[in-house]
Amino acid sequence: MHLVPAERADRRSIDGHRVCDAVAAIGEPGHVRTWADRFSLLAEPHRLALLLALHRAGPLAVSDLAIATGMNDPAVSQALRLLRTAGIVAGEKDGRVVRYRLTDSRTGALLDHCAPGAD
């Protein structure tokens, strides 16, 4: 059980080799936290709808996203602000219009599994 942290090494194990495999699969706590945060962003239906729209339709303005998702403009802006802060989307200004796009490829890969017909 060479991968078990020292503070847990004295615990009785049934399948020591599987415990080591599990420890390796979990990885560093920071890595787990990063993925948990990413999943929490996807767990809210309105944010997930926005991300699916951006992933499949490409760059869209707030008003277009509001129409597509059934949300109002301020709610879309607030959700995009959160997603932008998390580094998942970015806005690109074109004159007076800002179009948002998905920038995180790992989130895009997750969204591929959430699209209609991916069940």
N, C-alpha and C. Protein backbone atom coordinates (compact mmCIF):
# COMPACT_ATOMS: atom_id res chain seq x y z
N MET A 1 0.85 -1.18 0.00
CA MET A 1 0.00 0.00 0.00
C MET A 1 0.89 1.24 0.00
N HIS A 2 1.73 1.35 -0.99
CA HIS A 2 2.72 2.41 -1.06
C HIS A 2 2.12 3.79 -1.36
N LEU A 3 0.92 3.87 -1.92
CA LEU A 3 0.33 5.16 -2.26
C LEU A 3 -0.54 5.75 -1.15
N VAL A 4 -0.81 4.98 -0.13
CA VAL A 4 -1.68 5.44 0.95
C VAL A 4 -0.91 6.47 1.78
N PRO A 5 -1.53 7.63 2.02
CA PRO A 5 -0.86 8.64 2.85
C PRO A 5 -0.51 8.08 4.23
N ALA A 6 0.56 8.57 4.80
CA ALA A 6 1.09 8.05 6.07
C ALA A 6 0.03 8.06 7.18
N GLU A 7 -0.81 9.09 7.21
CA GLU A 7 -1.82 9.17 8.28
C GLU A 7 -2.91 8.11 8.15
N ARG A 8 -2.96 7.42 7.03
CA ARG A 8 -3.95 6.35 6.85
C ARG A 8 -3.32 4.97 6.70
N ALA A 9 -2.01 4.89 6.74
CA ALA A 9 -1.29 3.64 6.47
C ALA A 9 -1.53 2.57 7.52
N ASP A 10 -1.93 2.96 8.72
CA ASP A 10 -2.10 1.96 9.78
C ASP A 10 -3.50 1.33 9.76
N ARG A 11 -4.35 1.74 8.86
CA ARG A 11 -5.70 1.18 8.78
C ARG A 11 -5.68 -0.19 8.10
N ARG A 12 -6.58 -1.05 8.55
CA ARG A 12 -6.69 -2.40 7.99
C ARG A 12 -7.34 -2.32 6.60
N SER A 13 -6.75 -3.00 5.65
CA SER A 13 -7.25 -3.01 4.28
C SER A 13 -7.65 -4.42 3.87
N ILE A 14 -8.68 -4.51 3.05
CA ILE A 14 -9.10 -5.80 2.51
C ILE A 14 -8.34 -6.10 1.22
N ASP A 15 -8.36 -5.15 0.29
CA ASP A 15 -7.68 -5.31 -1.01
C ASP A 15 -6.69 -4.16 -1.18
N GLY A 16 -5.51 -4.32 -0.60
CA GLY A 16 -4.50 -3.27 -0.60
C GLY A 16 -4.14 -2.75 -1.98
N HIS A 17 -4.02 -3.65 -2.95
CA HIS A 17 -3.65 -3.22 -4.30
C HIS A 17 -4.75 -2.34 -4.91
N ARG A 18 -6.01 -2.63 -4.60
CA ARG A 18 -7.10 -1.79 -5.11
C ARG A 18 -7.16 -0.46 -4.39
N VAL A 19 -6.77 -0.45 -3.12
CA VAL A 19 -6.70 0.82 -2.39
C VAL A 19 -5.68 1.73 -3.07
N CYS A 20 -4.53 1.18 -3.43
CA CYS A 20 -3.50 1.97 -4.12
C CYS A 20 -4.01 2.47 -5.47
N ASP A 21 -4.72 1.62 -6.20
CA ASP A 21 -5.31 2.03 -7.47
C ASP A 21 -6.32 3.17 -7.25
N ALA A 22 -7.11 3.05 -6.18
CA ALA A 22 -8.11 4.09 -5.88
C ALA A 22 -7.44 5.40 -5.51
N VAL A 23 -6.38 5.34 -4.71
CA VAL A 23 -5.65 6.56 -4.33
C VAL A 23 -5.08 7.21 -5.59
N ALA A 24 -4.51 6.43 -6.47
CA ALA A 24 -3.96 6.97 -7.72
C ALA A 24 -5.05 7.58 -8.59
N ALA A 25 -6.22 6.92 -8.63
CA ALA A 25 -7.33 7.42 -9.44
C ALA A 25 -7.87 8.75 -8.92
N ILE A 26 -7.88 8.92 -7.61
CA ILE A 26 -8.38 10.16 -7.01
C ILE A 26 -7.42 11.30 -7.27
N GLY A 27 -6.13 11.06 -7.12
CA GLY A 27 -5.13 12.09 -7.36
C GLY A 27 -5.07 13.11 -6.24
N GLU A 28 -4.53 14.25 -6.55
CA GLU A 28 -4.33 15.32 -5.58
C GLU A 28 -5.65 16.00 -5.21
N PRO A 29 -5.80 16.42 -3.96
CA PRO A 29 -7.03 17.10 -3.54
C PRO A 29 -7.35 18.35 -4.38
N GLY A 30 -6.34 19.07 -4.80
CA GLY A 30 -6.58 20.26 -5.62
C GLY A 30 -7.20 19.91 -6.96
N HIS A 31 -6.77 18.80 -7.52
CA HIS A 31 -7.32 18.33 -8.79
C HIS A 31 -8.80 17.95 -8.62
N VAL A 32 -9.09 17.26 -7.53
CA VAL A 32 -10.47 16.87 -7.23
C VAL A 32 -11.33 18.12 -7.04
N ARG A 33 -10.82 19.11 -6.32
CA ARG A 33 -11.55 20.36 -6.08
C ARG A 33 -11.84 21.08 -7.40
N THR A 34 -10.88 21.11 -8.30
CA THR A 34 -11.07 21.77 -9.60
C THR A 34 -12.22 21.13 -10.37
N TRP A 35 -12.24 19.80 -10.40
CA TRP A 35 -13.31 19.10 -11.11
C TRP A 35 -14.65 19.25 -10.40
N ALA A 36 -14.64 19.24 -9.08
CA ALA A 36 -15.89 19.43 -8.33
C ALA A 36 -16.47 20.81 -8.62
N ASP A 37 -15.60 21.82 -8.69
CA ASP A 37 -16.06 23.17 -9.02
C ASP A 37 -16.63 23.22 -10.43
N ARG A 38 -15.98 22.55 -11.36
CA ARG A 38 -16.47 22.52 -12.74
C ARG A 38 -17.84 21.85 -12.81
N PHE A 39 -17.98 20.73 -12.11
CA PHE A 39 -19.27 20.04 -12.09
C PHE A 39 -20.35 20.89 -11.43
N SER A 40 -19.99 21.66 -10.40
CA SER A 40 -21.00 22.51 -9.74
C SER A 40 -21.50 23.59 -10.70
N LEU A 41 -20.65 24.08 -11.58
CA LEU A 41 -21.09 25.06 -12.57
C LEU A 41 -22.06 24.42 -13.57
N LEU A 42 -21.84 23.16 -13.89
CA LEU A 42 -22.70 22.46 -14.83
C LEU A 42 -24.00 21.97 -14.18
N ALA A 43 -24.04 21.94 -12.85
CA ALA A 43 -25.17 21.35 -12.14
C ALA A 43 -26.41 22.25 -12.15
N GLU A 44 -26.26 23.52 -12.45
CA GLU A 44 -27.41 24.43 -12.46
C GLU A 44 -28.00 24.42 -13.87
N PRO A 45 -29.29 24.11 -14.03
CA PRO A 45 -29.89 23.93 -15.37
C PRO A 45 -29.75 25.13 -16.31
N HIS A 46 -29.89 26.35 -15.81
CA HIS A 46 -29.77 27.51 -16.70
C HIS A 46 -28.34 27.68 -17.21
N ARG A 47 -27.37 27.50 -16.33
CA ARG A 47 -25.97 27.59 -16.78
C ARG A 47 -25.65 26.48 -17.76
N LEU A 48 -26.16 25.28 -17.49
CA LEU A 48 -25.92 24.18 -18.42
C LEU A 48 -26.54 24.47 -19.78
N ALA A 49 -27.74 25.03 -19.79
CA ALA A 49 -28.39 25.39 -21.06
C ALA A 49 -27.56 26.43 -21.82
N LEU A 50 -27.06 27.43 -21.12
CA LEU A 50 -26.21 28.44 -21.76
C LEU A 50 -24.96 27.80 -22.36
N LEU A 51 -24.33 26.93 -21.59
CA LEU A 51 -23.11 26.29 -22.07
C LEU A 51 -23.38 25.37 -23.26
N LEU A 52 -24.49 24.66 -23.22
CA LEU A 52 -24.84 23.81 -24.37
C LEU A 52 -25.09 24.65 -25.62
N ALA A 53 -25.77 25.77 -25.45
CA ALA A 53 -26.03 26.66 -26.59
C ALA A 53 -24.72 27.20 -27.17
N LEU A 54 -23.83 27.64 -26.30
CA LEU A 54 -22.55 28.18 -26.77
C LEU A 54 -21.70 27.08 -27.40
N HIS A 55 -21.73 25.91 -26.83
CA HIS A 55 -20.93 24.80 -27.34
C HIS A 55 -21.39 24.37 -28.73
N ARG A 56 -22.69 24.31 -28.95
CA ARG A 56 -23.23 23.82 -30.21
C ARG A 56 -23.43 24.90 -31.27
N ALA A 57 -23.78 26.12 -30.84
CA ALA A 57 -24.13 27.16 -31.81
C ALA A 57 -23.01 28.17 -32.03
N GLY A 58 -21.98 28.13 -31.20
CA GLY A 58 -20.89 29.08 -31.35
C GLY A 58 -21.16 30.39 -30.64
N PRO A 59 -20.37 31.40 -30.91
CA PRO A 59 -20.49 32.67 -30.18
C PRO A 59 -21.88 33.29 -30.32
N LEU A 60 -22.44 33.69 -29.17
CA LEU A 60 -23.77 34.30 -29.13
C LEU A 60 -23.79 35.48 -28.18
N ALA A 61 -24.61 36.47 -28.51
CA ALA A 61 -24.80 37.64 -27.65
C ALA A 61 -25.78 37.31 -26.54
N VAL A 62 -25.76 38.12 -25.48
CA VAL A 62 -26.63 37.90 -24.33
C VAL A 62 -28.09 37.80 -24.74
N SER A 63 -28.56 38.73 -25.57
CA SER A 63 -29.98 38.72 -25.96
C SER A 63 -30.34 37.46 -26.75
N ASP A 64 -29.44 36.98 -27.59
CA ASP A 64 -29.70 35.76 -28.34
C ASP A 64 -29.71 34.54 -27.41
N LEU A 65 -28.81 34.53 -26.44
CA LEU A 65 -28.80 33.45 -25.45
C LEU A 65 -30.08 33.47 -24.62
N ALA A 66 -30.57 34.65 -24.30
CA ALA A 66 -31.82 34.77 -23.54
C ALA A 66 -32.99 34.16 -24.32
N ILE A 67 -33.04 34.45 -25.61
CA ILE A 67 -34.11 33.89 -26.44
C ILE A 67 -33.98 32.37 -26.51
N ALA A 68 -32.76 31.89 -26.74
CA ALA A 68 -32.54 30.45 -26.91
C ALA A 68 -32.86 29.66 -25.64
N THR A 69 -32.57 30.24 -24.47
CA THR A 69 -32.73 29.51 -23.21
C THR A 69 -34.03 29.81 -22.48
N GLY A 70 -34.72 30.88 -22.89
CA GLY A 70 -35.94 31.28 -22.19
C GLY A 70 -35.67 32.08 -20.93
N MET A 71 -34.46 32.50 -20.75
CA MET A 71 -34.07 33.32 -19.60
C MET A 71 -34.22 34.79 -19.96
N ASN A 72 -34.17 35.67 -18.97
CA ASN A 72 -34.15 37.09 -19.28
C ASN A 72 -32.70 37.56 -19.37
N ASP A 73 -32.50 38.71 -20.02
CA ASP A 73 -31.15 39.21 -20.26
C ASP A 73 -30.32 39.36 -18.98
N PRO A 74 -30.87 39.95 -17.90
CA PRO A 74 -30.04 40.08 -16.69
C PRO A 74 -29.61 38.73 -16.10
N ALA A 75 -30.48 37.74 -16.15
CA ALA A 75 -30.13 36.42 -15.64
C ALA A 75 -29.03 35.79 -16.48
N VAL A 76 -29.10 35.96 -17.79
CA VAL A 76 -28.06 35.45 -18.68
C VAL A 76 -26.74 36.15 -18.37
N SER A 77 -26.78 37.46 -18.22
CA SER A 77 -25.56 38.23 -17.92
C SER A 77 -24.93 37.77 -16.61
N GLN A 78 -25.76 37.55 -15.61
CA GLN A 78 -25.24 37.11 -14.31
C GLN A 78 -24.60 35.73 -14.42
N ALA A 79 -25.24 34.81 -15.11
CA ALA A 79 -24.67 33.47 -15.28
C ALA A 79 -23.38 33.52 -16.07
N LEU A 80 -23.35 34.35 -17.12
CA LEU A 80 -22.14 34.47 -17.93
C LEU A 80 -20.99 35.08 -17.12
N ARG A 81 -21.30 35.99 -16.24
CA ARG A 81 -20.29 36.60 -15.38
C ARG A 81 -19.61 35.51 -14.53
N LEU A 82 -20.42 34.63 -13.97
CA LEU A 82 -19.89 33.53 -13.16
C LEU A 82 -19.04 32.59 -14.02
N LEU A 83 -19.55 32.24 -15.18
CA LEU A 83 -18.82 31.34 -16.08
C LEU A 83 -17.53 31.98 -16.61
N ARG A 84 -17.57 33.29 -16.83
CA ARG A 84 -16.38 34.01 -17.28
C ARG A 84 -15.32 34.03 -16.18
N THR A 85 -15.75 34.27 -14.95
CA THR A 85 -14.83 34.28 -13.81
C THR A 85 -14.17 32.92 -13.64
N ALA A 86 -14.92 31.86 -13.90
CA ALA A 86 -14.40 30.50 -13.79
C ALA A 86 -13.50 30.13 -14.97
N GLY A 87 -13.43 30.97 -15.99
CA GLY A 87 -12.58 30.70 -17.15
C GLY A 87 -13.17 29.74 -18.15
N ILE A 88 -14.50 29.59 -18.10
CA ILE A 88 -15.16 28.63 -19.01
C ILE A 88 -15.65 29.31 -20.28
N VAL A 89 -16.03 30.57 -20.19
CA VAL A 89 -16.46 31.33 -21.36
C VAL A 89 -15.67 32.65 -21.42
N ALA A 90 -15.68 33.24 -22.58
CA ALA A 90 -15.06 34.55 -22.78
C ALA A 90 -15.94 35.35 -23.73
N GLY A 91 -15.93 36.65 -23.55
CA GLY A 91 -16.67 37.54 -24.43
C GLY A 91 -15.74 38.21 -25.41
N GLU A 92 -16.23 38.37 -26.63
CA GLU A 92 -15.48 39.06 -27.67
C GLU A 92 -16.33 40.20 -28.18
N LYS A 93 -15.81 41.41 -28.05
CA LYS A 93 -16.56 42.59 -28.43
C LYS A 93 -16.46 42.81 -29.94
N ASP A 94 -17.62 43.09 -30.54
CA ASP A 94 -17.72 43.39 -31.97
C ASP A 94 -18.56 44.65 -32.07
N GLY A 95 -17.91 45.80 -32.05
CA GLY A 95 -18.65 47.06 -31.98
C GLY A 95 -19.31 47.18 -30.62
N ARG A 96 -20.63 47.32 -30.61
CA ARG A 96 -21.37 47.42 -29.35
C ARG A 96 -21.87 46.07 -28.84
N VAL A 97 -21.64 45.03 -29.62
CA VAL A 97 -22.14 43.70 -29.27
C VAL A 97 -21.01 42.85 -28.71
N VAL A 98 -21.30 42.14 -27.62
CA VAL A 98 -20.35 41.18 -27.06
C VAL A 98 -20.93 39.80 -27.30
N ARG A 99 -20.15 38.98 -27.97
CA ARG A 99 -20.56 37.60 -28.21
C ARG A 99 -19.71 36.69 -27.32
N TYR A 100 -20.37 35.77 -26.66
CA TYR A 100 -19.71 34.85 -25.74
C TYR A 100 -19.45 33.52 -26.43
N ARG A 101 -18.35 32.91 -26.03
CA ARG A 101 -17.99 31.59 -26.58
C ARG A 101 -17.40 30.74 -25.47
N LEU A 102 -17.50 29.46 -25.65
CA LEU A 102 -16.91 28.49 -24.73
C LEU A 102 -15.40 28.49 -24.94
N THR A 103 -14.63 28.56 -23.87
CA THR A 103 -13.17 28.59 -24.01
C THR A 103 -12.47 27.39 -23.36
N ASP A 104 -13.20 26.61 -22.57
CA ASP A 104 -12.59 25.50 -21.85
C ASP A 104 -12.88 24.19 -22.57
N SER A 105 -11.87 23.60 -23.16
CA SER A 105 -12.06 22.38 -23.95
C SER A 105 -12.50 21.19 -23.09
N ARG A 106 -12.07 21.15 -21.82
CA ARG A 106 -12.49 20.04 -20.95
C ARG A 106 -13.99 20.11 -20.68
N THR A 107 -14.50 21.32 -20.48
CA THR A 107 -15.94 21.49 -20.30
C THR A 107 -16.66 21.14 -21.60
N GLY A 108 -16.09 21.52 -22.72
CA GLY A 108 -16.68 21.16 -24.02
C GLY A 108 -16.79 19.66 -24.19
N ALA A 109 -15.77 18.93 -23.75
CA ALA A 109 -15.81 17.47 -23.84
C ALA A 109 -16.93 16.91 -22.96
N LEU A 110 -17.13 17.48 -21.80
CA LEU A 110 -18.25 17.06 -20.94
C LEU A 110 -19.58 17.36 -21.60
N LEU A 111 -19.68 18.53 -22.22
CA LEU A 111 -20.93 18.93 -22.86
C LEU A 111 -21.29 18.03 -24.03
N ASP A 112 -20.29 17.45 -24.67
CA ASP A 112 -20.59 16.50 -25.76
C ASP A 112 -21.46 15.35 -25.27
N HIS A 113 -21.34 15.01 -24.00
CA HIS A 113 -22.12 13.92 -23.42
C HIS A 113 -23.50 14.37 -22.94
N CYS A 114 -23.73 15.69 -22.93
CA CYS A 114 -25.00 16.24 -22.44
C CYS A 114 -25.93 16.65 -23.57
N ALA A 115 -25.44 16.66 -24.78
CA ALA A 115 -26.23 17.14 -25.91
C ALA A 115 -27.38 16.18 -26.20
N PRO A 116 -28.46 16.72 -26.79
CA PRO A 116 -29.58 15.85 -27.18
C PRO A 116 -29.08 14.71 -28.07
N GLY A 117 -29.58 13.52 -27.80
CA GLY A 117 -29.17 12.36 -28.56
C GLY A 117 -27.93 11.66 -28.05
N ALA A 118 -27.28 12.24 -27.01
CA ALA A 118 -26.06 11.64 -26.48
C ALA A 118 -26.35 10.64 -25.37
N ASP A 119 -27.63 10.42 -25.10
CA ASP A 119 -28.00 9.52 -23.99
C ASP A 119 -27.59 8.12 -24.25
